[in-house]
Structure formats: C-alpha cells, structure tokens
Amino acid sequence: MIRTFIDAGVLIVAAHGEDGIAERAIEILKDPNREFASSLFLKLEVLPKAIYRTYIQQVFFENQYLLEKSLQIVHFGVFPFF
C-alpha cells in the first residue's frame, strides 16, 4: 500500500481539468494500491474558491474525495515563531 498525500492541484485538475491531465489525476485517485492521507488545510484550500465561483461539480467531487477517500487525517502542529 502506498500512502499518498494529494495536493490541491490534483483534486482541482481531476474535477475540471483538460481531458488527458484530468484522466491521469483520476487514475491516481482511484488507484487501489494507495492509501490516501489528507488534512483540514487541503479542504480549506480547495473548497472556498469553488463554492464562491459556484463550481458545483468541483465542490461535489472534492467533498466526495475528502469525505470518502481520505483514510487518514494528518494534523500539523502549530509552532510559535519567536
């Protein structure tokens, strides 16, 4: 099993990219040999703009991925900068 952290660009391209690129992104997302990791930051990166621009298909696709395909949520610690 390959643990994979998907970048926002992969989700955006899979939702409404050019045919060849979108197909490759979807191939990666559907790969049964991968275990996907995600974070709340990914959701905050992809959803607000799609919702604002009313890209319904993109919002649905990204929500679907984030709710069903993400097996592990990665939490990043917040470190104060001095």
PDB file of N, CA and C in Angstrom:
ATOM      1  N   MET A   1       0.852  -1.181   0.000  1.00  0.00           N
ATOM      2  CA  MET A   1       0.000   0.000   0.000  1.00  0.00           C
ATOM      3  C   MET A   1       0.896   1.241   0.000  1.00  0.00           C
ATOM      4  N   ILE A   2       0.623   2.150  -0.896  1.00  0.00           N
ATOM      5  CA  ILE A   2       1.383   3.399  -0.990  1.00  0.00           C
ATOM      6  C   ILE A   2       0.581   4.485  -0.282  1.00  0.00           C
ATOM      7  N   ARG A   3       1.169   5.088   0.743  1.00  0.00           N
ATOM      8  CA  ARG A   3       0.494   6.202   1.428  1.00  0.00           C
ATOM      9  C   ARG A   3       0.756   7.467   0.621  1.00  0.00           C
ATOM     10  N   THR A   4      -0.320   8.166   0.252  1.00  0.00           N
ATOM     11  CA  THR A   4      -0.217   9.306  -0.646  1.00  0.00           C
ATOM     12  C   THR A   4      -0.955  10.502  -0.068  1.00  0.00           C
ATOM     13  N   PHE A   5      -0.267  11.640  -0.037  1.00  0.00           N
ATOM     14  CA  PHE A   5      -0.905  12.896   0.342  1.00  0.00           C
ATOM     15  C   PHE A   5      -1.177  13.662  -0.945  1.00  0.00           C
ATOM     16  N   ILE A   6      -2.432  13.871  -1.253  1.00  0.00           N
ATOM     17  CA  ILE A   6      -2.823  14.512  -2.501  1.00  0.00           C
ATOM     18  C   ILE A   6      -2.763  16.026  -2.352  1.00  0.00           C
ATOM     19  N   ASP A   7      -2.123  16.657  -3.324  1.00  0.00           N
ATOM     20  CA  ASP A   7      -2.042  18.111  -3.387  1.00  0.00           C
ATOM     21  C   ASP A   7      -3.359  18.668  -3.928  1.00  0.00           C
ATOM     22  N   ALA A   8      -3.662  19.911  -3.588  1.00  0.00           N
ATOM     23  CA  ALA A   8      -4.895  20.552  -4.050  1.00  0.00           C
ATOM     24  C   ALA A   8      -5.000  20.558  -5.566  1.00  0.00           C
ATOM     25  N   GLY A   9      -3.882  20.731  -6.251  1.00  0.00           N
ATOM     26  CA  GLY A   9      -3.889  20.780  -7.707  1.00  0.00           C
ATOM     27  C   GLY A   9      -4.430  19.510  -8.333  1.00  0.00           C
ATOM     28  N   VAL A  10      -4.137  18.370  -7.731  1.00  0.00           N
ATOM     29  CA  VAL A  10      -4.624  17.090  -8.266  1.00  0.00           C
ATOM     30  C   VAL A  10      -6.148  17.045  -8.188  1.00  0.00           C
ATOM     31  N   LEU A  11      -6.711  17.482  -7.084  1.00  0.00           N
ATOM     32  CA  LEU A  11      -8.177  17.483  -6.948  1.00  0.00           C
ATOM     33  C   LEU A  11      -8.829  18.454  -7.921  1.00  0.00           C
ATOM     34  N   ILE A  12      -8.236  19.632  -8.058  1.00  0.00           N
ATOM     35  CA  ILE A  12      -8.806  20.642  -8.955  1.00  0.00           C
ATOM     36  C   ILE A  12      -8.765  20.158 -10.401  1.00  0.00           C
ATOM     37  N   VAL A  13      -7.628  19.607 -10.818  1.00  0.00           N
ATOM     38  CA  VAL A  13      -7.495  19.112 -12.188  1.00  0.00           C
ATOM     39  C   VAL A  13      -8.426  17.930 -12.429  1.00  0.00           C
ATOM     40  N   ALA A  14      -8.557  17.040 -11.458  1.00  0.00           N
ATOM     41  CA  ALA A  14      -9.453  15.888 -11.614  1.00  0.00           C
ATOM     42  C   ALA A  14     -10.901  16.347 -11.770  1.00  0.00           C
ATOM     43  N   ALA A  15     -11.260  17.423 -11.095  1.00  0.00           N
ATOM     44  CA  ALA A  15     -12.644  17.908 -11.146  1.00  0.00           C
ATOM     45  C   ALA A  15     -12.979  18.580 -12.471  1.00  0.00           C
ATOM     46  N   HIS A  16     -12.056  19.371 -13.006  1.00  0.00           N
ATOM     47  CA  HIS A  16     -12.385  20.056 -14.270  1.00  0.00           C
ATOM     48  C   HIS A  16     -11.148  20.471 -15.069  1.00  0.00           C
ATOM     49  N   GLY A  17     -10.217  19.564 -15.167  1.00  0.00           N
ATOM     50  CA  GLY A  17      -9.024  19.840 -15.962  1.00  0.00           C
ATOM     51  C   GLY A  17      -9.179  19.384 -17.400  1.00  0.00           C
ATOM     52  N   GLU A  18      -8.106  19.540 -18.164  1.00  0.00           N
ATOM     53  CA  GLU A  18      -8.098  19.061 -19.547  1.00  0.00           C
ATOM     54  C   GLU A  18      -8.204  17.537 -19.538  1.00  0.00           C
ATOM     55  N   ASP A  19      -8.701  16.988 -20.617  1.00  0.00           N
ATOM     56  CA  ASP A  19      -9.005  15.559 -20.679  1.00  0.00           C
ATOM     57  C   ASP A  19      -7.857  14.654 -20.245  1.00  0.00           C
ATOM     58  N   GLY A  20      -6.694  14.775 -20.870  1.00  0.00           N
ATOM     59  CA  GLY A  20      -5.572  13.887 -20.562  1.00  0.00           C
ATOM     60  C   GLY A  20      -5.068  14.044 -19.138  1.00  0.00           C
ATOM     61  N   ILE A  21      -4.965  15.282 -18.707  1.00  0.00           N
ATOM     62  CA  ILE A  21      -4.469  15.546 -17.352  1.00  0.00           C
ATOM     63  C   ILE A  21      -5.491  15.104 -16.318  1.00  0.00           C
ATOM     64  N   ALA A  22      -6.762  15.399 -16.568  1.00  0.00           N
ATOM     65  CA  ALA A  22      -7.822  15.007 -15.638  1.00  0.00           C
ATOM     66  C   ALA A  22      -7.900  13.492 -15.511  1.00  0.00           C
ATOM     67  N   GLU A  23      -7.756  12.787 -16.623  1.00  0.00           N
ATOM     68  CA  GLU A  23      -7.799  11.321 -16.581  1.00  0.00           C
ATOM     69  C   GLU A  23      -6.664  10.768 -15.735  1.00  0.00           C
ATOM     70  N   ARG A  24      -5.475  11.341 -15.866  1.00  0.00           N
ATOM     71  CA  ARG A  24      -4.319  10.874 -15.075  1.00  0.00           C
ATOM     72  C   ARG A  24      -4.552  11.143 -13.583  1.00  0.00           C
ATOM     73  N   ALA A  25      -5.102  12.308 -13.256  1.00  0.00           N
ATOM     74  CA  ALA A  25      -5.389  12.638 -11.856  1.00  0.00           C
ATOM     75  C   ALA A  25      -6.423  11.664 -11.282  1.00  0.00           C
ATOM     76  N   ILE A  26      -7.455  11.360 -12.039  1.00  0.00           N
ATOM     77  CA  ILE A  26      -8.490  10.434 -11.581  1.00  0.00           C
ATOM     78  C   ILE A  26      -7.923   9.028 -11.430  1.00  0.00           C
ATOM     79  N   GLU A  27      -7.029   8.656 -12.327  1.00  0.00           N
ATOM     80  CA  GLU A  27      -6.346   7.355 -12.227  1.00  0.00           C
ATOM     81  C   GLU A  27      -5.627   7.221 -10.884  1.00  0.00           C
ATOM     82  N   ILE A  28      -4.926   8.273 -10.508  1.00  0.00           N
ATOM     83  CA  ILE A  28      -4.206   8.267  -9.223  1.00  0.00           C
ATOM     84  C   ILE A  28      -5.196   8.166  -8.070  1.00  0.00           C
ATOM     85  N   LEU A  29      -6.276   8.932  -8.125  1.00  0.00           N
ATOM     86  CA  LEU A  29      -7.262   8.932  -7.042  1.00  0.00           C
ATOM     87  C   LEU A  29      -8.000   7.610  -6.913  1.00  0.00           C
ATOM     88  N   LYS A  30      -8.099   6.856  -7.997  1.00  0.00           N
ATOM     89  CA  LYS A  30      -8.803   5.567  -7.965  1.00  0.00           C
ATOM     90  C   LYS A  30      -7.865   4.381  -7.797  1.00  0.00           C
ATOM     91  N   ASP A  31      -6.588   4.633  -7.651  1.00  0.00           N
ATOM     92  CA  ASP A  31      -5.601   3.556  -7.533  1.00  0.00           C
ATOM     93  C   ASP A  31      -5.859   2.745  -6.264  1.00  0.00           C
ATOM     94  N   PRO A  32      -6.181   1.437  -6.398  1.00  0.00           N
ATOM     95  CA  PRO A  32      -6.474   0.618  -5.223  1.00  0.00           C
ATOM     96  C   PRO A  32      -5.234   0.304  -4.374  1.00  0.00           C
ATOM     97  N   ASN A  33      -4.055   0.585  -4.900  1.00  0.00           N
ATOM     98  CA  ASN A  33      -2.816   0.322  -4.155  1.00  0.00           C
ATOM     99  C   ASN A  33      -2.370   1.517  -3.334  1.00  0.00           C
ATOM    100  N   ARG A  34      -3.213   2.530  -3.254  1.00  0.00           N
ATOM    101  CA  ARG A  34      -2.862   3.734  -2.489  1.00  0.00           C
ATOM    102  C   ARG A  34      -3.781   3.907  -1.287  1.00  0.00           C
ATOM    103  N   GLU A  35      -3.189   4.369  -0.221  1.00  0.00           N
ATOM    104  CA  GLU A  35      -3.929   4.790   0.973  1.00  0.00           C
ATOM    105  C   GLU A  35      -3.745   6.298   1.047  1.00  0.00           C
ATOM    106  N   PHE A  36      -4.840   7.028   1.057  1.00  0.00           N
ATOM    107  CA  PHE A  36      -4.752   8.481   0.974  1.00  0.00           C
ATOM    108  C   PHE A  36      -4.764   9.136   2.349  1.00  0.00           C
ATOM    109  N   ALA A  37      -3.943  10.150   2.459  1.00  0.00           N
ATOM    110  CA  ALA A  37      -3.912  10.982   3.657  1.00  0.00           C
ATOM    111  C   ALA A  37      -4.380  12.371   3.247  1.00  0.00           C
ATOM    112  N   SER A  38      -4.984  13.067   4.161  1.00  0.00           N
ATOM    113  CA  SER A  38      -5.497  14.398   3.866  1.00  0.00           C
ATOM    114  C   SER A  38      -5.347  15.264   5.107  1.00  0.00           C
ATOM    115  N   SER A  39      -5.664  16.517   4.964  1.00  0.00           N
ATOM    116  CA  SER A  39      -5.660  17.403   6.117  1.00  0.00           C
ATOM    117  C   SER A  39      -6.796  18.402   5.973  1.00  0.00           C
ATOM    118  N   LEU A  40      -7.135  19.027   7.057  1.00  0.00           N
ATOM    119  CA  LEU A  40      -8.171  20.052   7.005  1.00  0.00           C
ATOM    120  C   LEU A  40      -7.708  21.230   6.159  1.00  0.00           C
ATOM    121  N   PHE A  41      -6.402  21.434   6.081  1.00  0.00           N
ATOM    122  CA  PHE A  41      -5.869  22.525   5.280  1.00  0.00           C
ATOM    123  C   PHE A  41      -6.165  22.314   3.793  1.00  0.00           C
ATOM    124  N   LEU A  42      -6.166  21.069   3.343  1.00  0.00           N
ATOM    125  CA  LEU A  42      -6.490  20.773   1.949  1.00  0.00           C
ATOM    126  C   LEU A  42      -7.929  21.195   1.661  1.00  0.00           C
ATOM    127  N   LYS A  43      -8.818  20.879   2.569  1.00  0.00           N
ATOM    128  CA  LYS A  43     -10.223  21.263   2.406  1.00  0.00           C
ATOM    129  C   LYS A  43     -10.358  22.789   2.354  1.00  0.00           C
ATOM    130  N   LEU A  44      -9.637  23.471   3.232  1.00  0.00           N
ATOM    131  CA  LEU A  44      -9.686  24.931   3.249  1.00  0.00           C
ATOM    132  C   LEU A  44      -9.058  25.544   2.001  1.00  0.00           C
ATOM    133  N   GLU A  45      -8.166  24.804   1.376  1.00  0.00           N
ATOM    134  CA  GLU A  45      -7.515  25.312   0.170  1.00  0.00           C
ATOM    135  C   GLU A  45      -8.387  25.166  -1.065  1.00  0.00           C
ATOM    136  N   VAL A  46      -9.140  24.090  -1.183  1.00  0.00           N
ATOM    137  CA  VAL A  46      -9.860  23.834  -2.431  1.00  0.00           C
ATOM    138  C   VAL A  46     -11.326  24.249  -2.427  1.00  0.00           C
ATOM    139  N   LEU A  47     -12.007  24.144  -1.312  1.00  0.00           N
ATOM    140  CA  LEU A  47     -13.459  24.360  -1.333  1.00  0.00           C
ATOM    141  C   LEU A  47     -13.923  25.819  -1.394  1.00  0.00           C
ATOM    142  N   PRO A  48     -13.341  26.748  -0.645  1.00  0.00           N
ATOM    143  CA  PRO A  48     -13.904  28.107  -0.644  1.00  0.00           C
ATOM    144  C   PRO A  48     -13.997  28.746  -2.034  1.00  0.00           C
ATOM    145  N   LYS A  49     -12.962  28.631  -2.840  1.00  0.00           N
ATOM    146  CA  LYS A  49     -12.985  29.244  -4.173  1.00  0.00           C
ATOM    147  C   LYS A  49     -14.023  28.569  -5.068  1.00  0.00           C
ATOM    148  N   ALA A  50     -14.099  27.251  -5.006  1.00  0.00           N
ATOM    149  CA  ALA A  50     -15.083  26.525  -5.820  1.00  0.00           C
ATOM    150  C   ALA A  50     -16.509  26.895  -5.400  1.00  0.00           C
ATOM    151  N   ILE A  51     -16.734  27.045  -4.110  1.00  0.00           N
ATOM    152  CA  ILE A  51     -18.064  27.431  -3.622  1.00  0.00           C
ATOM    153  C   ILE A  51     -18.385  28.856  -4.055  1.00  0.00           C
ATOM    154  N   TYR A  52     -17.425  29.758  -3.903  1.00  0.00           N
ATOM    155  CA  TYR A  52     -17.628  31.160  -4.282  1.00  0.00           C
ATOM    156  C   TYR A  52     -17.953  31.295  -5.766  1.00  0.00           C
ATOM    157  N   ARG A  53     -17.252  30.539  -6.594  1.00  0.00           N
ATOM    158  CA  ARG A  53     -17.456  30.626  -8.046  1.00  0.00           C
ATOM    159  C   ARG A  53     -18.583  29.703  -8.530  1.00  0.00           C
ATOM    160  N   THR A  54     -19.244  29.064  -7.601  1.00  0.00           N
ATOM    161  CA  THR A  54     -20.358  28.126  -7.859  1.00  0.00           C
ATOM    162  C   THR A  54     -19.996  27.037  -8.871  1.00  0.00           C
ATOM    163  N   TYR A  55     -18.821  26.441  -8.680  1.00  0.00           N
ATOM    164  CA  TYR A  55     -18.411  25.280  -9.469  1.00  0.00           C
ATOM    165  C   TYR A  55     -18.975  24.045  -8.762  1.00  0.00           C
ATOM    166  N   ILE A  56     -20.238  23.784  -8.981  1.00  0.00           N
ATOM    167  CA  ILE A  56     -20.953  22.739  -8.263  1.00  0.00           C
ATOM    168  C   ILE A  56     -20.294  21.376  -8.449  1.00  0.00           C
ATOM    169  N   GLN A  57     -19.900  21.052  -9.675  1.00  0.00           N
ATOM    170  CA  GLN A  57     -19.276  19.759  -9.943  1.00  0.00           C
ATOM    171  C   GLN A  57     -17.965  19.622  -9.166  1.00  0.00           C
ATOM    172  N   GLN A  58     -17.180  20.683  -9.108  1.00  0.00           N
ATOM    173  CA  GLN A  58     -15.911  20.645  -8.370  1.00  0.00           C
ATOM    174  C   GLN A  58     -16.169  20.509  -6.877  1.00  0.00           C
ATOM    175  N   VAL A  59     -17.128  21.242  -6.340  1.00  0.00           N
ATOM    176  CA  VAL A  59     -17.455  21.159  -4.915  1.00  0.00           C
ATOM    177  C   VAL A  59     -17.887  19.735  -4.567  1.00  0.00           C
ATOM    178  N   PHE A  60     -18.753  19.154  -5.385  1.00  0.00           N
ATOM    179  CA  PHE A  60     -19.224  17.794  -5.137  1.00  0.00           C
ATOM    180  C   PHE A  60     -18.063  16.804  -5.183  1.00  0.00           C
ATOM    181  N   PHE A  61     -17.244  16.899  -6.231  1.00  0.00           N
ATOM    182  CA  PHE A  61     -16.129  15.979  -6.405  1.00  0.00           C
ATOM    183  C   PHE A  61     -15.150  16.063  -5.228  1.00  0.00           C
ATOM    184  N   GLU A  62     -14.781  17.283  -4.838  1.00  0.00           N
ATOM    185  CA  GLU A  62     -13.807  17.451  -3.761  1.00  0.00           C
ATOM    186  C   GLU A  62     -14.373  17.007  -2.421  1.00  0.00           C
ATOM    187  N   ASN A  63     -15.630  17.314  -2.164  1.00  0.00           N
ATOM    188  CA  ASN A  63     -16.261  16.842  -0.929  1.00  0.00           C
ATOM    189  C   ASN A  63     -16.296  15.324  -0.893  1.00  0.00           C
ATOM    190  N   GLN A  64     -16.632  14.724  -2.022  1.00  0.00           N
ATOM    191  CA  GLN A  64     -16.681  13.268  -2.122  1.00  0.00           C
ATOM    192  C   GLN A  64     -15.320  12.671  -1.760  1.00  0.00           C
ATOM    193  N   TYR A  65     -14.276  13.208  -2.347  1.00  0.00           N
ATOM    194  CA  TYR A  65     -12.924  12.711  -2.071  1.00  0.00           C
ATOM    195  C   TYR A  65     -12.571  12.907  -0.597  1.00  0.00           C
ATOM    196  N   LEU A  66     -12.787  14.109  -0.107  1.00  0.00           N
ATOM    197  CA  LEU A  66     -12.371  14.417   1.260  1.00  0.00           C
ATOM    198  C   LEU A  66     -13.151  13.607   2.297  1.00  0.00           C
ATOM    199  N   LEU A  67     -14.394  13.285   2.012  1.00  0.00           N
ATOM    200  CA  LEU A  67     -15.202  12.519   2.962  1.00  0.00           C
ATOM    201  C   LEU A  67     -14.983  11.011   2.864  1.00  0.00           C
ATOM    202  N   GLU A  68     -14.822  10.502   1.642  1.00  0.00           N
ATOM    203  CA  GLU A  68     -14.784   9.053   1.464  1.00  0.00           C
ATOM    204  C   GLU A  68     -13.388   8.481   1.239  1.00  0.00           C
ATOM    205  N   LYS A  69     -12.564   9.160   0.483  1.00  0.00           N
ATOM    206  CA  LYS A  69     -11.281   8.597   0.080  1.00  0.00           C
ATOM    207  C   LYS A  69     -10.166   8.856   1.074  1.00  0.00           C
ATOM    208  N   SER A  70     -10.300   9.863   1.880  1.00  0.00           N
ATOM    209  CA  SER A  70      -9.237  10.197   2.821  1.00  0.00           C
ATOM    210  C   SER A  70      -9.324   9.270   4.021  1.00  0.00           C
ATOM    211  N   LEU A  71      -8.396   8.377   4.127  1.00  0.00           N
ATOM    212  CA  LEU A  71      -8.428   7.398   5.197  1.00  0.00           C
ATOM    213  C   LEU A  71      -7.765   7.900   6.466  1.00  0.00           C
ATOM    214  N   GLN A  72      -6.902   8.863   6.320  1.00  0.00           N
ATOM    215  CA  GLN A  72      -6.153   9.349   7.468  1.00  0.00           C
ATOM    216  C   GLN A  72      -6.068  10.862   7.391  1.00  0.00           C
ATOM    217  N   ILE A  73      -6.389  11.507   8.483  1.00  0.00           N
ATOM    218  CA  ILE A  73      -6.266  12.960   8.560  1.00  0.00           C
ATOM    219  C   ILE A  73      -4.940  13.278   9.233  1.00  0.00           C
ATOM    220  N   VAL A  74      -4.162  14.104   8.585  1.00  0.00           N
ATOM    221  CA  VAL A  74      -2.863  14.493   9.121  1.00  0.00           C
ATOM    222  C   VAL A  74      -3.039  15.832   9.816  1.00  0.00           C
ATOM    223  N   HIS A  75      -2.673  15.896  11.082  1.00  0.00           N
ATOM    224  CA  HIS A  75      -2.765  17.146  11.836  1.00  0.00           C
ATOM    225  C   HIS A  75      -1.367  17.728  11.982  1.00  0.00           C
ATOM    226  N   PHE A  76      -1.251  18.961  11.595  1.00  0.00           N
ATOM    227  CA  PHE A  76       0.033  19.630  11.713  1.00  0.00           C
ATOM    228  C   PHE A  76       0.019  20.465  12.976  1.00  0.00           C
ATOM    229  N   GLY A  77       1.097  20.372  13.744  1.00  0.00           N
ATOM    230  CA  GLY A  77       1.198  21.166  14.954  1.00  0.00           C
ATOM    231  C   GLY A  77       1.448  22.628  14.605  1.00  0.00           C
ATOM    232  N   VAL A  78       1.022  23.499  15.462  1.00  0.00           N
ATOM    233  CA  VAL A  78       1.258  24.919  15.281  1.00  0.00           C
ATOM    234  C   VAL A  78       2.404  25.305  16.199  1.00  0.00           C
ATOM    235  N   PHE A  79       3.428  25.840  15.598  1.00  0.00           N
ATOM    236  CA  PHE A  79       4.609  26.208  16.371  1.00  0.00           C
ATOM    237  C   PHE A  79       4.742  27.720  16.388  1.00  0.00           C
ATOM    238  N   PRO A  80       4.910  28.301  17.564  1.00  0.00           N
ATOM    239  CA  PRO A  80       5.072  29.763  17.619  1.00  0.00           C
ATOM    240  C   PRO A  80       6.429  30.163  17.046  1.00  0.00           C
ATOM    241  N   PHE A  81       6.433  31.267  16.338  1.00  0.00           N
ATOM    242  CA  PHE A  81       7.677  31.786  15.791  1.00  0.00           C
ATOM    243  C   PHE A  81       8.166  32.912  16.687  1.00  0.00           C
ATOM    244  N   PHE A  82       9.400  32.811  17.130  1.00  0.00           N
ATOM    245  CA  PHE A  82       9.954  33.824  18.021  1.00  0.00           C
ATOM    246  C   PHE A  82      11.019  34.607  17.311  1.00  0.00           C
TER     247      PHE A  82
END
